[in-house]
């Protein structure tokens, strides 16, 4: 919450009930508790963005632009309000290192 100033890293939504701590590297794949709890392994996202991020239906480019999986239909993206202009408010080098693998999994055509 503190790292993202209590607001969704993309939308700016601030109501705590609508926010989720989204892990870039899933907890089950982290090598240590330190990595699980590392602030750079997390994005504070609105619940619908967290669900899409966790399912590898969206990710973020090196400059923070939202990226859509080929598995996410245009109609679902529109229904979720996922505009191509959406982006992370900031991306630091430590967060970007973790996003690389997430991005590759998101952009794959097949499971």
N, C-alpha and C. Protein backbone atom coordinates (compact mmCIF):
# COMPACT_ATOMS: atom_id res chain seq x y z
N UNK A 1 0.83 -1.20 0.00
CA UNK A 1 0.00 0.00 0.00
C UNK A 1 0.87 1.25 0.00
N UNK A 2 1.90 1.26 0.83
CA UNK A 2 2.75 2.45 0.91
C UNK A 2 3.51 2.70 -0.38
N UNK A 3 4.05 1.65 -0.98
CA UNK A 3 4.85 1.80 -2.19
C UNK A 3 4.04 2.43 -3.31
N UNK A 4 2.74 2.09 -3.39
CA UNK A 4 1.87 2.60 -4.45
C UNK A 4 0.98 3.73 -3.94
N UNK A 5 1.34 4.33 -2.82
CA UNK A 5 0.61 5.48 -2.27
C UNK A 5 -0.88 5.19 -2.05
N UNK A 6 -1.19 3.92 -1.72
CA UNK A 6 -2.56 3.55 -1.40
C UNK A 6 -3.53 3.59 -2.56
N UNK A 7 -3.02 3.54 -3.79
CA UNK A 7 -3.89 3.62 -4.96
C UNK A 7 -3.47 2.58 -6.00
N UNK A 8 -4.43 2.14 -6.79
CA UNK A 8 -4.14 1.20 -7.88
C UNK A 8 -3.03 1.76 -8.75
N UNK A 9 -2.08 0.91 -9.06
CA UNK A 9 -0.91 1.31 -9.85
C UNK A 9 -1.28 1.72 -11.28
N UNK A 10 -2.50 1.41 -11.71
CA UNK A 10 -2.94 1.75 -13.06
C UNK A 10 -4.05 2.80 -13.04
N UNK A 11 -5.11 2.52 -12.30
CA UNK A 11 -6.31 3.37 -12.36
C UNK A 11 -6.32 4.51 -11.36
N UNK A 12 -5.56 4.35 -10.28
CA UNK A 12 -5.60 5.36 -9.21
C UNK A 12 -6.72 5.15 -8.21
N UNK A 13 -7.52 4.09 -8.37
CA UNK A 13 -8.59 3.79 -7.42
C UNK A 13 -7.98 3.66 -6.03
N UNK A 14 -8.63 4.27 -5.03
CA UNK A 14 -8.07 4.30 -3.68
C UNK A 14 -8.86 3.50 -2.64
N UNK A 15 -10.08 3.11 -2.91
CA UNK A 15 -10.88 2.42 -1.90
C UNK A 15 -10.24 1.07 -1.59
N UNK A 16 -9.81 0.84 -0.34
CA UNK A 16 -9.10 -0.38 0.01
C UNK A 16 -9.84 -1.67 -0.33
N UNK A 17 -11.17 -1.66 -0.28
CA UNK A 17 -11.94 -2.87 -0.58
C UNK A 17 -11.87 -3.24 -2.06
N UNK A 18 -11.43 -2.33 -2.89
CA UNK A 18 -11.35 -2.59 -4.32
C UNK A 18 -9.93 -2.90 -4.79
N UNK A 19 -8.98 -2.93 -3.86
CA UNK A 19 -7.57 -3.12 -4.21
C UNK A 19 -7.06 -4.49 -3.78
N UNK A 20 -6.10 -5.00 -4.57
CA UNK A 20 -5.47 -6.28 -4.27
C UNK A 20 -3.96 -6.16 -4.44
N UNK A 21 -3.22 -6.83 -3.59
CA UNK A 21 -1.77 -6.94 -3.75
C UNK A 21 -1.53 -8.06 -4.75
N UNK A 22 -1.11 -7.68 -5.92
CA UNK A 22 -0.92 -8.64 -7.00
C UNK A 22 0.57 -8.97 -7.10
N UNK A 23 0.89 -10.25 -7.01
CA UNK A 23 2.29 -10.67 -7.04
C UNK A 23 2.72 -10.96 -8.47
N UNK A 24 3.83 -10.38 -8.87
CA UNK A 24 4.36 -10.58 -10.22
C UNK A 24 4.87 -12.01 -10.36
N UNK A 25 5.77 -12.39 -9.48
CA UNK A 25 6.20 -13.79 -9.40
C UNK A 25 5.28 -14.43 -8.36
N UNK A 26 4.48 -15.41 -8.77
CA UNK A 26 3.56 -16.04 -7.81
C UNK A 26 4.29 -16.56 -6.57
N UNK A 27 3.61 -16.48 -5.42
CA UNK A 27 4.20 -16.93 -4.17
C UNK A 27 4.75 -18.33 -4.29
N UNK A 28 4.02 -19.21 -4.97
CA UNK A 28 4.45 -20.61 -5.07
C UNK A 28 5.74 -20.77 -5.87
N UNK A 29 6.11 -19.76 -6.64
CA UNK A 29 7.32 -19.82 -7.46
C UNK A 29 8.48 -19.01 -6.87
N UNK A 30 8.25 -18.33 -5.77
CA UNK A 30 9.31 -17.54 -5.13
C UNK A 30 10.29 -18.45 -4.41
N UNK A 31 11.56 -18.07 -4.44
CA UNK A 31 12.60 -18.87 -3.79
C UNK A 31 12.66 -18.66 -2.28
N UNK A 32 12.08 -17.57 -1.78
CA UNK A 32 12.20 -17.26 -0.36
C UNK A 32 11.05 -16.37 0.09
N UNK A 33 10.89 -16.30 1.41
CA UNK A 33 9.90 -15.38 1.97
C UNK A 33 10.28 -13.94 1.66
N UNK A 34 11.58 -13.67 1.63
CA UNK A 34 12.03 -12.31 1.30
C UNK A 34 11.55 -11.90 -0.08
N UNK A 35 11.61 -12.82 -1.04
CA UNK A 35 11.13 -12.51 -2.39
C UNK A 35 9.61 -12.37 -2.41
N UNK A 36 8.92 -13.21 -1.67
CA UNK A 36 7.46 -13.13 -1.60
C UNK A 36 7.01 -11.76 -1.10
N UNK A 37 7.74 -11.24 -0.14
CA UNK A 37 7.36 -9.98 0.50
C UNK A 37 8.06 -8.75 -0.08
N UNK A 38 8.90 -8.95 -1.08
CA UNK A 38 9.63 -7.85 -1.69
C UNK A 38 8.65 -6.89 -2.36
N UNK A 39 8.74 -5.63 -2.03
CA UNK A 39 7.82 -4.62 -2.57
C UNK A 39 7.89 -4.57 -4.10
N UNK A 40 9.02 -4.94 -4.67
CA UNK A 40 9.18 -4.92 -6.13
C UNK A 40 8.57 -6.15 -6.80
N UNK A 41 8.06 -7.08 -6.01
CA UNK A 41 7.35 -8.23 -6.56
C UNK A 41 5.85 -8.00 -6.50
N UNK A 42 5.43 -6.81 -6.26
CA UNK A 42 4.00 -6.56 -6.13
C UNK A 42 3.53 -5.33 -6.87
N UNK A 43 2.30 -5.42 -7.31
CA UNK A 43 1.59 -4.29 -7.89
C UNK A 43 0.29 -4.16 -7.12
N UNK A 44 -0.07 -2.97 -6.73
CA UNK A 44 -1.36 -2.74 -6.10
C UNK A 44 -2.35 -2.46 -7.23
N UNK A 45 -3.29 -3.38 -7.41
CA UNK A 45 -4.20 -3.28 -8.55
C UNK A 45 -5.66 -3.33 -8.11
N UNK A 46 -6.51 -2.67 -8.87
CA UNK A 46 -7.95 -2.83 -8.70
C UNK A 46 -8.27 -4.30 -8.92
N UNK A 47 -9.29 -4.79 -8.25
CA UNK A 47 -9.58 -6.23 -8.22
C UNK A 47 -9.70 -6.84 -9.62
N UNK A 48 -10.36 -6.16 -10.55
CA UNK A 48 -10.52 -6.74 -11.89
C UNK A 48 -9.19 -6.81 -12.63
N UNK A 49 -8.30 -5.85 -12.40
CA UNK A 49 -6.98 -5.90 -13.01
C UNK A 49 -6.13 -6.99 -12.37
N UNK A 50 -6.24 -7.15 -11.06
CA UNK A 50 -5.52 -8.22 -10.37
C UNK A 50 -5.93 -9.58 -10.92
N UNK A 51 -7.23 -9.80 -11.11
CA UNK A 51 -7.70 -11.09 -11.63
C UNK A 51 -7.13 -11.34 -13.02
N UNK A 52 -7.14 -10.33 -13.87
CA UNK A 52 -6.61 -10.48 -15.23
C UNK A 52 -5.10 -10.68 -15.21
N UNK A 53 -4.40 -9.96 -14.35
CA UNK A 53 -2.94 -10.08 -14.23
C UNK A 53 -2.57 -11.47 -13.72
N UNK A 54 -3.27 -11.93 -12.70
CA UNK A 54 -3.00 -13.24 -12.10
C UNK A 54 -3.25 -14.38 -13.09
N UNK A 55 -4.20 -14.19 -13.99
CA UNK A 55 -4.53 -15.20 -15.00
C UNK A 55 -3.69 -15.05 -16.27
N UNK A 56 -2.71 -14.16 -16.25
CA UNK A 56 -1.85 -13.90 -17.41
C UNK A 56 -2.67 -13.43 -18.63
N UNK A 57 -3.72 -12.66 -18.37
CA UNK A 57 -4.50 -12.08 -19.46
C UNK A 57 -4.06 -10.65 -19.75
N UNK A 58 -3.38 -10.03 -18.80
CA UNK A 58 -2.74 -8.74 -19.03
C UNK A 58 -1.36 -8.75 -18.39
N UNK A 59 -0.49 -7.91 -18.89
CA UNK A 59 0.80 -7.65 -18.28
C UNK A 59 1.16 -6.22 -18.64
N UNK A 60 2.43 -5.88 -18.43
CA UNK A 60 2.86 -4.51 -18.68
C UNK A 60 4.21 -4.49 -19.37
N UNK A 61 4.36 -3.59 -20.33
CA UNK A 61 5.61 -3.45 -21.09
C UNK A 61 6.68 -2.80 -20.23
N UNK A 62 7.88 -2.72 -20.78
CA UNK A 62 9.01 -2.13 -20.08
C UNK A 62 8.72 -0.67 -19.68
N UNK A 63 7.89 0.02 -20.45
CA UNK A 63 7.54 1.40 -20.10
C UNK A 63 6.20 1.50 -19.37
N UNK A 64 5.64 0.35 -18.99
CA UNK A 64 4.43 0.33 -18.17
C UNK A 64 3.12 0.25 -18.93
N UNK A 65 3.15 0.26 -20.25
CA UNK A 65 1.90 0.16 -21.03
C UNK A 65 1.24 -1.19 -20.80
N UNK A 66 -0.08 -1.18 -20.72
CA UNK A 66 -0.80 -2.44 -20.56
C UNK A 66 -0.67 -3.27 -21.83
N UNK A 67 -0.50 -4.56 -21.64
CA UNK A 67 -0.42 -5.51 -22.74
C UNK A 67 -1.51 -6.54 -22.54
N UNK A 68 -2.18 -6.92 -23.60
CA UNK A 68 -3.25 -7.90 -23.53
C UNK A 68 -2.79 -9.23 -24.11
N UNK A 69 -3.17 -10.29 -23.45
CA UNK A 69 -2.90 -11.63 -23.95
C UNK A 69 -3.74 -11.88 -25.20
N UNK A 70 -3.21 -12.67 -26.13
CA UNK A 70 -4.03 -13.06 -27.27
C UNK A 70 -5.24 -13.90 -26.85
N UNK A 71 -5.22 -14.41 -25.62
CA UNK A 71 -6.33 -15.21 -25.10
C UNK A 71 -7.49 -14.34 -24.59
N UNK A 72 -7.26 -13.03 -24.45
CA UNK A 72 -8.30 -12.12 -23.96
C UNK A 72 -9.03 -11.53 -25.16
N UNK A 73 -10.30 -11.81 -25.27
CA UNK A 73 -11.06 -11.31 -26.41
C UNK A 73 -11.22 -9.79 -26.32
N UNK A 74 -11.38 -9.18 -27.46
CA UNK A 74 -11.61 -7.73 -27.51
C UNK A 74 -12.87 -7.36 -26.76
N UNK A 75 -13.91 -8.18 -26.88
CA UNK A 75 -15.17 -7.87 -26.19
C UNK A 75 -14.99 -7.94 -24.67
N UNK A 76 -14.22 -8.91 -24.17
CA UNK A 76 -13.96 -8.98 -22.73
C UNK A 76 -13.10 -7.80 -22.27
N UNK A 77 -12.11 -7.43 -23.07
CA UNK A 77 -11.26 -6.29 -22.72
C UNK A 77 -12.09 -5.02 -22.63
N UNK A 78 -13.00 -4.83 -23.55
CA UNK A 78 -13.88 -3.65 -23.53
C UNK A 78 -14.79 -3.70 -22.31
N UNK A 79 -15.37 -4.87 -22.04
CA UNK A 79 -16.27 -5.01 -20.89
C UNK A 79 -15.56 -4.72 -19.58
N UNK A 80 -14.26 -5.04 -19.51
CA UNK A 80 -13.46 -4.76 -18.31
C UNK A 80 -12.95 -3.33 -18.26
N UNK A 81 -13.14 -2.59 -19.33
CA UNK A 81 -12.66 -1.21 -19.38
C UNK A 81 -11.17 -1.11 -19.59
N UNK A 82 -10.58 -2.09 -20.27
CA UNK A 82 -9.13 -2.11 -20.49
C UNK A 82 -8.78 -1.31 -21.74
N UNK A 83 -8.48 -0.06 -21.56
CA UNK A 83 -8.08 0.80 -22.67
C UNK A 83 -6.61 0.60 -22.97
N UNK A 84 -6.26 0.65 -24.22
CA UNK A 84 -4.85 0.45 -24.64
C UNK A 84 -3.93 1.53 -24.06
N UNK A 85 -4.49 2.66 -23.68
CA UNK A 85 -3.68 3.75 -23.11
C UNK A 85 -3.33 3.53 -21.64
N UNK A 86 -3.94 2.55 -21.01
CA UNK A 86 -3.68 2.32 -19.58
C UNK A 86 -2.23 1.93 -19.37
N UNK A 87 -1.67 2.42 -18.26
CA UNK A 87 -0.28 2.07 -17.95
C UNK A 87 -0.04 2.18 -16.45
N UNK A 88 1.03 1.53 -16.03
CA UNK A 88 1.49 1.65 -14.65
C UNK A 88 1.95 3.08 -14.41
N UNK A 89 1.69 3.58 -13.23
CA UNK A 89 2.13 4.94 -12.90
C UNK A 89 3.65 5.05 -12.85
N UNK A 90 4.32 3.94 -12.56
CA UNK A 90 5.78 3.93 -12.58
C UNK A 90 6.27 2.49 -12.70
N UNK A 91 7.45 2.35 -13.27
CA UNK A 91 8.11 1.05 -13.34
C UNK A 91 9.57 1.29 -12.99
N UNK A 92 10.02 0.64 -11.92
CA UNK A 92 11.43 0.77 -11.55
C UNK A 92 12.18 -0.47 -12.04
N UNK A 93 13.49 -0.42 -12.10
CA UNK A 93 14.27 -1.55 -12.63
C UNK A 93 14.03 -2.87 -11.90
N UNK A 94 13.85 -2.84 -10.60
CA UNK A 94 13.63 -4.08 -9.84
C UNK A 94 12.28 -4.71 -10.17
N UNK A 95 11.27 -3.89 -10.36
CA UNK A 95 9.95 -4.39 -10.75
C UNK A 95 10.01 -4.92 -12.17
N UNK A 96 10.67 -4.21 -13.06
CA UNK A 96 10.78 -4.63 -14.46
C UNK A 96 11.44 -5.99 -14.59
N UNK A 97 12.46 -6.27 -13.77
CA UNK A 97 13.12 -7.58 -13.82
C UNK A 97 12.12 -8.71 -13.60
N UNK A 98 11.16 -8.47 -12.75
CA UNK A 98 10.16 -9.49 -12.44
C UNK A 98 9.07 -9.54 -13.52
N UNK A 99 8.78 -8.41 -14.12
CA UNK A 99 7.74 -8.36 -15.14
C UNK A 99 8.14 -9.08 -16.44
N UNK A 100 9.42 -9.23 -16.70
CA UNK A 100 9.88 -9.85 -17.95
C UNK A 100 9.25 -11.23 -18.14
N UNK A 101 9.33 -12.08 -17.14
CA UNK A 101 8.80 -13.44 -17.24
C UNK A 101 7.27 -13.41 -17.30
N UNK A 102 6.66 -12.56 -16.48
CA UNK A 102 5.20 -12.44 -16.50
C UNK A 102 4.73 -12.03 -17.90
N UNK A 103 5.42 -11.10 -18.49
CA UNK A 103 5.07 -10.60 -19.83
C UNK A 103 5.17 -11.73 -20.86
N UNK A 104 6.22 -12.53 -20.79
CA UNK A 104 6.39 -13.63 -21.75
C UNK A 104 5.22 -14.63 -21.62
N UNK A 105 4.84 -14.97 -20.38
CA UNK A 105 3.73 -15.90 -20.18
C UNK A 105 2.41 -15.31 -20.68
N UNK A 106 2.24 -14.03 -20.54
CA UNK A 106 1.01 -13.37 -20.96
C UNK A 106 0.88 -13.33 -22.47
N UNK A 107 1.97 -13.11 -23.15
CA UNK A 107 1.93 -12.92 -24.61
C UNK A 107 2.00 -14.21 -25.40
N UNK A 108 2.15 -15.35 -24.72
CA UNK A 108 2.18 -16.63 -25.41
C UNK A 108 0.83 -16.89 -26.07
N UNK A 109 0.89 -17.45 -27.26
CA UNK A 109 -0.33 -17.78 -27.99
C UNK A 109 -1.03 -18.99 -27.39
N UNK A 110 -0.26 -19.94 -26.86
CA UNK A 110 -0.82 -21.19 -26.35
C UNK A 110 -0.29 -21.46 -24.96
N UNK A 111 -1.06 -22.24 -24.17
CA UNK A 111 -0.60 -22.62 -22.82
C UNK A 111 0.52 -23.62 -22.89
